[in-house]
C-alpha atoms as a PDB file:
ATOM      1  CA  UNK A   1     -90.115 -58.533  50.825  1.00  0.00           C
ATOM      2  CA  UNK A   2     -88.888 -54.276  51.156  1.00  0.00           C
ATOM      3  CA  UNK A   3     -86.593 -52.642  50.104  1.00  0.00           C
ATOM      4  CA  UNK A   4     -85.598 -49.751  51.228  1.00  0.00           C
ATOM      5  CA  UNK A   5     -82.503 -47.233  50.321  1.00  0.00           C
ATOM      6  CA  UNK A   6     -81.030 -44.910  52.693  1.00  0.00           C
ATOM      7  CA  UNK A   7     -79.041 -41.192  52.202  1.00  0.00           C
ATOM      8  CA  UNK A   8     -76.925 -39.593  54.835  1.00  0.00           C
ATOM      9  CA  UNK A   9     -76.321 -36.279  54.206  1.00  0.00           C
ATOM     10  CA  UNK A  10     -73.353 -34.016  55.440  1.00  0.00           C
ATOM     11  CA  UNK A  11     -73.872 -30.354  55.684  1.00  0.00           C
ATOM     12  CA  UNK A  12     -72.402 -28.025  58.559  1.00  0.00           C
ATOM     13  CA  UNK A  13     -72.910 -24.417  59.586  1.00  0.00           C
ATOM     14  CA  UNK A  14     -69.763 -22.057  58.839  1.00  0.00           C
ATOM     15  CA  UNK A  15     -67.264 -21.669  56.269  1.00  0.00           C
ATOM     16  CA  UNK A  16     -65.755 -24.775  55.678  1.00  0.00           C
ATOM     17  CA  UNK A  17     -64.474 -26.996  52.613  1.00  0.00           C
ATOM     18  CA  UNK A  18     -66.147 -29.821  50.647  1.00  0.00           C
ATOM     19  CA  UNK A  19     -67.771 -32.010  53.786  1.00  0.00           C
ATOM     20  CA  UNK A  20     -67.327 -35.736  54.045  1.00  0.00           C
ATOM     21  CA  UNK A  21     -69.534 -38.828  55.174  1.00  0.00           C
ATOM     22  CA  UNK A  22     -66.339 -41.213  55.573  1.00  0.00           C
ATOM     23  CA  UNK A  23     -68.114 -44.668  55.655  1.00  0.00           C
ATOM     24  CA  UNK A  24     -65.990 -47.629  56.115  1.00  0.00           C
ATOM     25  CA  UNK A  25     -64.482 -48.345  52.677  1.00  0.00           C
ATOM     26  CA  UNK A  26     -63.388 -44.578  52.717  1.00  0.00           C
ATOM     27  CA  UNK A  27     -65.236 -43.581  50.062  1.00  0.00           C
ATOM     28  CA  UNK A  28     -66.088 -39.782  50.613  1.00  0.00           C
ATOM     29  CA  UNK A  29     -68.720 -37.820  49.556  1.00  0.00           C
ATOM     30  CA  UNK A  30     -71.363 -34.751  50.059  1.00  0.00           C
ATOM     31  CA  UNK A  31     -74.231 -37.094  50.327  1.00  0.00           C
ATOM     32  CA  UNK A  32     -73.820 -41.270  50.902  1.00  0.00           C
ATOM     33  CA  UNK A  33     -76.916 -43.074  49.093  1.00  0.00           C
ATOM     34  CA  UNK A  34     -76.721 -46.763  49.927  1.00  0.00           C
ATOM     35  CA  UNK A  35     -79.061 -48.673  47.909  1.00  0.00           C
ATOM     36  CA  UNK A  36     -80.881 -50.642  48.641  1.00  0.00           C
ATOM     37  CA  UNK A  37     -79.335 -50.950  52.794  1.00  0.00           C
ATOM     38  CA  UNK A  38     -79.246 -54.678  54.194  1.00  0.00           C
ATOM     39  CA  UNK A  39     -78.323 -55.309  57.231  1.00  0.00           C
ATOM     40  CA  UNK A  40     -75.327 -56.677  58.629  1.00  0.00           C
ATOM     41  CA  UNK A  41     -73.486 -55.309  55.946  1.00  0.00           C
ATOM     42  CA  UNK A  42     -74.202 -51.735  55.975  1.00  0.00           C
ATOM     43  CA  UNK A  43     -74.427 -51.639  59.795  1.00  0.00           C
ATOM     44  CA  UNK A  44     -71.811 -49.464  61.195  1.00  0.00           C
ATOM     45  CA  UNK A  45     -71.001 -46.276  62.424  1.00  0.00           C
ATOM     46  CA  UNK A  46     -70.999 -43.481  59.587  1.00  0.00           C
ATOM     47  CA  UNK A  47     -68.749 -39.991  60.722  1.00  0.00           C
ATOM     48  CA  UNK A  48     -69.064 -36.350  58.906  1.00  0.00           C
ATOM     49  CA  UNK A  49     -65.906 -33.936  58.666  1.00  0.00           C
ATOM     50  CA  UNK A  50     -65.625 -30.903  57.971  1.00  0.00           C
ATOM     51  CA  UNK A  51     -62.620 -28.580  57.516  1.00  0.00           C
ATOM     52  CA  UNK A  52     -61.007 -25.170  56.562  1.00  0.00           C
ATOM     53  CA  UNK A  53     -57.813 -25.505  56.615  1.00  0.00           C
ATOM     54  CA  UNK A  54     -57.204 -22.644  59.564  1.00  0.00           C
ATOM     55  CA  UNK A  55     -57.688 -24.764  62.891  1.00  0.00           C
ATOM     56  CA  UNK A  56     -59.172 -28.625  63.161  1.00  0.00           C
ATOM     57  CA  UNK A  57     -61.602 -30.628  61.833  1.00  0.00           C
ATOM     58  CA  UNK A  58     -64.446 -31.124  63.662  1.00  0.00           C
ATOM     59  CA  UNK A  59     -66.358 -33.944  63.138  1.00  0.00           C
ATOM     60  CA  UNK A  60     -70.339 -35.776  63.830  1.00  0.00           C
ATOM     61  CA  UNK A  61     -70.664 -39.156  64.207  1.00  0.00           C
ATOM     62  CA  UNK A  62     -73.955 -41.121  63.077  1.00  0.00           C
ATOM     63  CA  UNK A  63     -74.918 -44.884  63.700  1.00  0.00           C
ATOM     64  CA  UNK A  64     -76.660 -46.486  60.649  1.00  0.00           C
ATOM     65  CA  UNK A  65     -78.673 -49.895  62.504  1.00  0.00           C
ATOM     66  CA  UNK A  66     -80.715 -51.301  59.226  1.00  0.00           C
ATOM     67  CA  UNK A  67     -83.459 -53.516  60.627  1.00  0.00           C
ATOM     68  CA  UNK A  68     -84.326 -57.202  58.964  1.00  0.00           C
ATOM     69  CA  UNK A  69     -89.022 -56.886  59.043  1.00  0.00           C
ATOM     70  CA  UNK A  70     -88.389 -60.240  57.779  1.00  0.00           C
ATOM     71  CA  UNK A  71     -87.180 -62.018  61.404  1.00  0.00           C
END
């Protein structure tokens, strides 16, 4: 059995406040660490949101797919 960790890093360019990775539970951080990743539980869309208080926030989405190497 192999166990892998997942790291998602949100680094926007320009003048922004703290960027956030929002997971399904609403937790927010610059670096989202998933240890260990598990198929089904961690398969999800994660969104990086950045704003600077002027204008609209910008975001980018990433889809994490975890494969079970035993099946």
